[in-house]
């Protein structure tokens, strides 16, 4: 049986991706920048609770919650849960909860453990397993490959992008290169080394490249230095001489919007392939216009999707401004909201521009070759 070049290339790419995934799993993570004693953590069950030292301060609580916890090996210890009147950090445990506790090296029966957080790994694994089963059941072999690329993308960000940036590399450049690699892997693994894949890849990369330039320019002229991102202070304290916050902000913008850009480019390229399949003699101009029309039909909903995705991340911030009666023109001008405006609009720029870029690339690729 003759195997087409597209299928053969997909097999080789799958094997390469498997080897790369194994390499990333074995590869060490980021270098530790802050030397601090870290106790081992273990899952434990709360078997008794004492809230007598916990005080209610309005909507928050303050004090020490005393617990009795049982480890999986049957040992029982006293534990403490410090409440700091910080609603985003504090947890009030109850009997039967599964929690994470710190276990010092030299532990005895009188050791008091520290309860850090809820144990969520079990349910997280169950949720991922459900997602994997649903994806593979619906998508078949394509769904399995999508799951594979999902796992590879997580590893690439954690094992390549993050360590490189912490070691002093440009976050914007590393993010762009990471997006380029992930786009190539995902597009060609799904579409194969076909004209559809080439068109979608070229359109995506050009769109992300333009987003990179726009993010740099508007973050500079609007004085967005990246200080509004979560946990920035801890990062600066750990690595103040290396990390460029604006670089990280620009990298986060293109990383966050790259998935939507890739999706739109693939939709347009696949639509143009159908046009060419039904009309093999269609020329460059007609193919380009068809691609643009396909893009116009999709880009409206995609930009709104991107807006809603970003808005969900700062909904509480908008609620705070609304509850205080702050005018929209005033809170839009704040650093926090302006940073989100740049994220949203630059990502939307990439979506809008990827349509003509992909249409042009697809028209060139399809109109200059014979039919598949």
Protein backbone atom coordinates (compact mmCIF):
# COMPACT_ATOMS: atom_id res chain seq x y z
CA UNK A 1 0.00 0.00 0.00
CA UNK A 2 1.39 3.35 -1.02
CA UNK A 3 1.71 5.92 1.77
CA UNK A 4 1.35 9.58 0.79
CA UNK A 5 4.01 12.12 1.66
CA UNK A 6 1.59 13.89 4.00
CA UNK A 7 0.90 10.74 6.04
CA UNK A 8 4.57 9.76 6.06
CA UNK A 9 5.61 13.22 7.26
CA UNK A 10 2.94 13.12 9.96
CA UNK A 11 4.32 9.80 11.23
CA UNK A 12 7.86 11.19 11.36
CA UNK A 13 6.67 14.35 13.09
CA UNK A 14 4.78 12.26 15.64
CA UNK A 15 7.93 10.23 16.36
CA UNK A 16 9.98 13.41 16.65
CA UNK A 17 7.42 14.90 19.01
CA UNK A 18 7.46 11.76 21.16
CA UNK A 19 11.26 11.93 21.45
CA UNK A 20 11.14 15.67 22.18
CA UNK A 21 8.50 15.10 24.87
CA UNK A 22 10.62 12.44 26.58
CA UNK A 23 13.61 14.80 26.43
CA UNK A 24 11.63 17.65 28.01
CA UNK A 25 10.36 15.39 30.78
CA UNK A 26 13.95 14.38 31.61
CA UNK A 27 15.33 17.89 31.18
CA UNK A 28 15.94 19.83 34.42
CA UNK A 29 13.69 22.79 35.10
CA UNK A 30 14.62 26.38 35.91
CA UNK A 31 17.56 27.15 38.19
CA UNK A 32 16.55 27.98 41.76
CA UNK A 33 17.20 31.69 42.32
CA UNK A 34 16.20 32.02 45.96
CA UNK A 35 17.86 29.73 48.48
CA UNK A 36 15.38 28.90 51.19
CA UNK A 37 14.68 25.75 53.21
CA UNK A 38 11.72 23.93 51.69
CA UNK A 39 10.06 21.17 53.65
CA UNK A 40 8.59 18.14 51.94
CA UNK A 41 4.83 18.21 51.51
CA UNK A 42 2.38 15.37 51.90
CA UNK A 43 -1.33 14.77 51.67
CA UNK A 44 -3.20 14.45 54.98
CA UNK A 45 -6.80 14.24 56.19
CA UNK A 46 -8.19 16.66 58.76
CA UNK A 47 -9.70 14.61 61.62
CA UNK A 48 -10.32 17.40 64.13
CA UNK A 49 -10.61 21.20 64.07
CA UNK A 50 -10.23 23.87 66.79
CA UNK A 51 -11.35 27.37 65.72
CA UNK A 52 -11.23 28.94 69.21
CA UNK A 53 -8.29 31.18 68.25
CA UNK A 54 -9.86 32.39 65.00
CA UNK A 55 -11.47 35.86 65.04
CA UNK A 56 -13.97 37.25 62.53
CA UNK A 57 -12.98 40.63 61.14
CA UNK A 58 -15.92 41.48 58.94
CA UNK A 59 -15.72 39.35 55.82
CA UNK A 60 -12.25 37.98 56.68
CA UNK A 61 -10.77 35.90 59.50
CA UNK A 62 -7.61 36.26 61.53
CA UNK A 63 -5.76 33.95 63.90
CA UNK A 64 -4.54 30.37 64.12
CA UNK A 65 -6.72 27.40 63.27
CA UNK A 66 -5.52 24.30 65.12
CA UNK A 67 -5.95 20.95 63.38
CA UNK A 68 -5.42 17.28 63.98
CA UNK A 69 -4.37 15.53 60.80
CA UNK A 70 -3.79 11.92 59.81
CA UNK A 71 -1.19 10.94 57.22
CA UNK A 72 -1.68 8.09 54.76
CA UNK A 73 0.61 5.85 56.82
CA UNK A 74 -1.66 6.20 59.87
CA UNK A 75 0.44 8.66 61.89
CA UNK A 76 -1.40 11.59 63.46
CA UNK A 77 -0.02 15.07 64.14
CA UNK A 78 -1.14 18.45 65.34
CA UNK A 79 -1.10 21.10 62.64
CA UNK A 80 -1.64 24.84 62.39
CA UNK A 81 -3.31 26.96 59.75
CA UNK A 82 -2.40 30.65 59.93
CA UNK A 83 -5.15 33.07 58.83
CA UNK A 84 -3.88 36.54 57.89
CA UNK A 85 -7.14 38.34 57.04
CA UNK A 86 -6.26 38.03 53.34
CA UNK A 87 -9.20 36.54 51.50
CA UNK A 88 -7.13 35.53 48.48
CA UNK A 89 -4.67 33.51 50.59
CA UNK A 90 -6.54 32.23 53.65
CA UNK A 91 -8.28 28.83 53.81
CA UNK A 92 -10.51 27.69 56.66
CA UNK A 93 -10.33 23.91 56.81
CA UNK A 94 -13.02 21.62 58.20
CA UNK A 95 -13.12 18.01 59.38
CA UNK A 96 -12.73 15.54 56.52
CA UNK A 97 -10.83 17.91 54.22
CA UNK A 98 -7.82 16.62 52.34
CA UNK A 99 -4.98 19.10 52.87
CA UNK A 100 -1.31 19.60 52.05
CA UNK A 101 0.96 19.75 55.09
CA UNK A 102 4.67 20.45 55.38
CA UNK A 103 6.64 17.56 56.85
CA UNK A 104 10.04 18.55 58.35
CA UNK A 105 13.01 16.20 58.09
CA UNK A 106 13.30 15.51 61.82
CA UNK A 107 9.70 14.80 62.78
CA UNK A 108 8.46 13.24 66.01
CA UNK A 109 5.15 12.80 67.78
CA UNK A 110 5.32 16.33 69.24
CA UNK A 111 6.02 18.04 65.91
CA UNK A 112 3.41 20.60 64.86
CA UNK A 113 2.93 20.61 61.10
CA UNK A 114 1.94 23.52 58.91
CA UNK A 115 -1.21 23.14 56.80
CA UNK A 116 -0.50 24.88 53.51
CA UNK A 117 -3.49 24.35 51.23
CA UNK A 118 -6.20 21.99 50.02
CA UNK A 119 -5.07 18.82 48.22
CA UNK A 120 -6.39 19.26 44.69
CA UNK A 121 -4.22 16.91 42.64
CA UNK A 122 -6.68 14.01 42.73
CA UNK A 123 -9.56 16.00 41.26
CA UNK A 124 -7.20 17.75 38.83
CA UNK A 125 -6.07 14.37 37.48
CA UNK A 126 -9.70 13.23 37.23
CA UNK A 127 -10.64 16.38 35.32
CA UNK A 128 -7.73 15.96 32.91
CA UNK A 129 -8.58 12.28 32.38
CA UNK A 130 -12.18 13.20 31.59
CA UNK A 131 -10.98 15.84 29.14
CA UNK A 132 -8.59 13.37 27.49
CA UNK A 133 -11.26 10.69 27.11
CA UNK A 134 -13.76 13.16 25.65
CA UNK A 135 -11.20 14.62 23.25
CA UNK A 136 -10.06 11.22 21.99
CA UNK A 137 -13.62 9.85 21.78
CA UNK A 138 -14.77 12.81 19.70
CA UNK A 139 -11.64 13.46 17.67
CA UNK A 140 -10.30 9.94 17.27
CA UNK A 141 -6.69 9.87 16.10
CA UNK A 142 -6.75 13.63 15.52
CA UNK A 143 -7.99 14.13 19.08
CA UNK A 144 -5.17 11.95 20.41
CA UNK A 145 -2.63 14.02 18.50
CA UNK A 146 -4.22 17.21 19.84
CA UNK A 147 -3.85 15.82 23.37
CA UNK A 148 -0.23 14.99 22.63
CA UNK A 149 0.50 18.53 21.44
CA UNK A 150 -1.32 19.92 24.50
CA UNK A 151 1.06 18.03 26.77
CA UNK A 152 4.07 19.02 24.69
CA UNK A 153 3.04 22.70 24.81
CA UNK A 154 2.86 22.62 28.61
CA UNK A 155 6.32 21.07 28.80
CA UNK A 156 7.78 23.55 26.30
CA UNK A 157 6.59 26.54 28.32
CA UNK A 158 7.70 25.10 31.67
CA UNK A 159 11.00 23.48 30.62
CA UNK A 160 12.21 25.87 27.88
CA UNK A 161 10.51 29.28 27.96
CA UNK A 162 10.50 29.85 31.73
CA UNK A 163 14.12 28.73 32.40
CA UNK A 164 15.42 30.70 29.40
CA UNK A 165 13.77 33.93 30.58
CA UNK A 166 14.98 33.43 34.16
CA UNK A 167 18.50 32.96 32.79
CA UNK A 168 18.37 36.38 31.14
CA UNK A 169 17.05 35.68 27.63
CA UNK A 170 14.59 38.14 26.08
CA UNK A 171 11.10 37.02 27.09
CA UNK A 172 9.58 38.54 23.95
CA UNK A 173 12.01 36.75 21.64
CA UNK A 174 11.84 33.43 23.49
CA UNK A 175 8.03 33.61 23.56
CA UNK A 176 7.94 34.27 19.81
CA UNK A 177 10.30 31.36 19.08
CA UNK A 178 8.32 29.08 21.39
CA UNK A 179 5.07 30.07 19.67
CA UNK A 180 6.70 29.46 16.28
CA UNK A 181 7.80 25.95 17.29
CA UNK A 182 4.45 25.10 18.88
CA UNK A 183 2.57 26.45 15.87
CA UNK A 184 4.67 24.34 13.51
CA UNK A 185 4.22 21.22 15.64
CA UNK A 186 0.47 21.66 16.10
CA UNK A 187 -0.38 22.76 12.56
CA UNK A 188 1.73 20.17 10.74
CA UNK A 189 0.76 17.37 13.11
CA UNK A 190 -2.93 18.11 12.54
CA UNK A 191 -2.84 19.07 8.85
CA UNK A 192 0.33 17.27 7.79
CA UNK A 193 2.96 18.80 5.51
CA UNK A 194 0.31 19.92 3.08
CA UNK A 195 -0.50 23.24 1.46
CA UNK A 196 -3.15 23.72 4.13
CA UNK A 197 -0.51 23.33 6.84
CA UNK A 198 1.99 25.61 5.10
CA UNK A 199 -0.63 28.33 4.56
CA UNK A 200 -1.86 28.17 8.15
CA UNK A 201 1.69 28.22 9.52
CA UNK A 202 2.80 31.20 7.43
CA UNK A 203 -0.34 33.19 8.24
CA UNK A 204 0.00 32.44 11.97
CA UNK A 205 3.66 33.38 12.20
CA UNK A 206 3.19 36.65 10.33
CA UNK A 207 0.21 37.52 12.52
CA UNK A 208 2.13 36.75 15.72
CA UNK A 209 5.12 38.74 14.45
CA UNK A 210 2.96 41.81 13.86
CA UNK A 211 1.41 41.36 17.32
CA UNK A 212 4.91 41.32 18.79
CA UNK A 213 5.79 44.64 17.16
CA UNK A 214 2.50 46.25 18.19
CA UNK A 215 2.83 45.00 21.76
CA UNK A 216 6.30 46.50 22.04
CA UNK A 217 5.26 49.85 20.58
CA UNK A 218 2.06 50.37 22.57
CA UNK A 219 3.50 49.12 25.85
CA UNK A 220 6.22 51.75 25.41
CA UNK A 221 4.07 54.73 24.41
CA UNK A 222 1.41 53.90 27.03
CA UNK A 223 4.01 53.37 29.80
CA UNK A 224 3.02 49.76 30.45
CA UNK A 225 6.10 48.29 32.13
CA UNK A 226 4.61 44.93 33.10
CA UNK A 227 4.47 45.71 36.83
CA UNK A 228 0.73 44.92 36.88
CA UNK A 229 1.26 41.21 36.27
CA UNK A 230 0.64 38.83 39.19
CA UNK A 231 3.57 37.98 41.51
CA UNK A 232 5.83 40.57 39.89
CA UNK A 233 7.23 41.76 43.22
CA UNK A 234 8.40 38.27 44.17
CA UNK A 235 9.99 37.85 40.76
CA UNK A 236 11.80 41.18 40.98
CA UNK A 237 13.06 40.38 44.47
CA UNK A 238 14.42 37.05 43.26
CA UNK A 239 15.91 38.20 39.98
CA UNK A 240 16.01 42.00 39.84
CA UNK A 241 19.16 42.25 37.73
CA UNK A 242 18.03 39.97 34.91
CA UNK A 243 14.28 40.10 34.38
CA UNK A 244 12.80 42.79 32.12
CA UNK A 245 9.15 43.17 33.06
CA UNK A 246 8.17 44.87 29.80
CA UNK A 247 9.78 42.00 27.91
CA UNK A 248 7.75 39.53 29.95
CA UNK A 249 4.57 41.54 29.36
CA UNK A 250 5.12 41.55 25.60
CA UNK A 251 5.88 37.84 25.64
CA UNK A 252 2.70 37.12 27.62
CA UNK A 253 0.63 39.07 25.08
CA UNK A 254 1.76 37.05 22.06
CA UNK A 255 1.74 33.78 24.00
CA UNK A 256 -1.86 34.36 25.13
CA UNK A 257 -3.18 35.29 21.67
CA UNK A 258 -1.22 32.75 19.62
CA UNK A 259 -3.76 29.96 20.07
CA UNK A 260 -6.63 32.02 18.66
CA UNK A 261 -4.40 33.23 15.81
CA UNK A 262 -3.45 29.66 14.94
CA UNK A 263 -7.09 28.55 15.05
CA UNK A 264 -8.22 31.31 12.70
CA UNK A 265 -5.37 30.66 10.27
CA UNK A 266 -6.24 26.96 10.11
CA UNK A 267 -9.93 27.74 9.48
CA UNK A 268 -9.06 30.03 6.58
CA UNK A 269 -6.48 27.67 5.06
CA UNK A 270 -8.88 24.71 5.26
CA UNK A 271 -11.65 26.77 3.68
CA UNK A 272 -9.38 27.82 0.81
CA UNK A 273 -8.40 24.18 0.28
CA UNK A 274 -12.08 23.32 -0.17
CA UNK A 275 -12.52 26.16 -2.66
CA UNK A 276 -9.57 24.89 -4.67
CA UNK A 277 -10.76 21.28 -4.46
CA UNK A 278 -14.12 22.20 -6.01
CA UNK A 279 -12.56 24.54 -8.56
CA UNK A 280 -9.02 23.39 -9.47
CA UNK A 281 -8.62 26.20 -12.01
CA UNK A 282 -9.27 29.06 -9.59
CA UNK A 283 -6.61 31.77 -9.79
CA UNK A 284 -4.60 33.70 -7.23
CA UNK A 285 -6.96 36.69 -7.04
CA UNK A 286 -10.12 34.64 -6.58
CA UNK A 287 -8.46 32.42 -3.99
CA UNK A 288 -7.23 35.45 -2.08
CA UNK A 289 -10.67 37.06 -2.08
CA UNK A 290 -12.25 33.77 -0.98
CA UNK A 291 -9.80 33.55 1.90
CA UNK A 292 -10.59 37.11 2.95
CA UNK A 293 -14.32 36.41 2.87
CA UNK A 294 -13.83 33.30 5.01
CA UNK A 295 -11.74 35.35 7.43
CA UNK A 296 -14.36 38.09 7.68
CA UNK A 297 -16.98 35.50 8.61
CA UNK A 298 -14.88 34.24 11.51
CA UNK A 299 -12.83 37.17 12.77
CA UNK A 300 -15.79 39.02 14.29
CA UNK A 301 -16.63 36.27 16.73
CA UNK A 302 -12.96 35.45 17.39
CA UNK A 303 -12.09 39.01 18.48
CA UNK A 304 -15.10 39.04 20.79
CA UNK A 305 -14.01 35.68 22.17
CA UNK A 306 -10.59 37.11 22.91
CA UNK A 307 -12.13 40.15 24.59
CA UNK A 308 -14.31 37.99 26.83
CA UNK A 309 -11.40 35.71 27.68
CA UNK A 310 -9.28 38.63 28.86
CA UNK A 311 -12.22 40.34 30.58
CA UNK A 312 -12.84 37.28 32.72
CA UNK A 313 -9.39 37.69 34.22
CA UNK A 314 -10.05 41.16 35.61
CA UNK A 315 -13.80 41.05 36.26
CA UNK A 316 -13.34 41.70 39.99
CA UNK A 317 -11.24 44.77 39.19
CA UNK A 318 -14.05 46.20 37.07
CA UNK A 319 -16.51 45.44 39.86
CA UNK A 320 -14.37 47.36 42.35
CA UNK A 321 -14.26 50.43 40.11
CA UNK A 322 -17.99 50.20 39.44
CA UNK A 323 -18.79 49.89 43.16
CA UNK A 324 -16.75 53.02 43.88
CA UNK A 325 -18.44 55.04 41.14
CA UNK A 326 -15.25 55.53 39.12
CA UNK A 327 -15.93 56.86 35.62
CA UNK A 328 -14.93 54.57 32.72
CA UNK A 329 -12.57 57.21 31.31
CA UNK A 330 -10.75 57.30 34.65
CA UNK A 331 -10.34 53.57 35.26
CA UNK A 332 -9.40 52.91 31.62
CA UNK A 333 -6.53 55.32 32.12
CA UNK A 334 -5.17 53.36 35.11
CA UNK A 335 -2.13 51.16 34.64
CA UNK A 336 -3.98 47.95 35.47
CA UNK A 337 -6.78 48.44 32.95
CA UNK A 338 -4.51 50.00 30.31
CA UNK A 339 -2.34 46.88 30.42
CA UNK A 340 -5.41 44.73 29.75
CA UNK A 341 -6.48 47.07 26.96
CA UNK A 342 -3.10 46.60 25.29
CA UNK A 343 -3.37 42.82 25.70
CA UNK A 344 -6.87 42.68 24.26
CA UNK A 345 -6.41 45.06 21.35
CA UNK A 346 -2.97 43.79 20.32
CA UNK A 347 -4.30 40.23 20.39
CA UNK A 348 -7.27 41.36 18.33
CA UNK A 349 -4.94 43.10 15.88
CA UNK A 350 -3.17 39.80 15.37
CA UNK A 351 -6.49 38.07 14.73
CA UNK A 352 -7.66 40.66 12.24
CA UNK A 353 -4.37 40.71 10.35
CA UNK A 354 -3.88 36.96 10.25
CA UNK A 355 -6.89 36.67 7.94
CA UNK A 356 -5.40 38.56 4.94
CA UNK A 357 -1.94 37.13 5.67
CA UNK A 358 -3.25 33.58 5.56
CA UNK A 359 -5.40 34.35 2.54
CA UNK A 360 -2.37 35.71 0.69
CA UNK A 361 -0.15 32.77 1.70
CA UNK A 362 -2.87 30.29 0.80
CA UNK A 363 -3.57 31.94 -2.54
CA UNK A 364 0.14 31.82 -3.41
CA UNK A 365 0.59 28.21 -2.27
CA UNK A 366 -2.56 26.81 -3.84
CA UNK A 367 -2.58 28.74 -7.11
CA UNK A 368 1.03 27.90 -8.02
CA UNK A 369 0.76 24.11 -7.75
CA UNK A 370 -1.17 21.35 -9.32
CA UNK A 371 -4.14 19.88 -7.57
CA UNK A 372 -3.51 17.32 -4.77
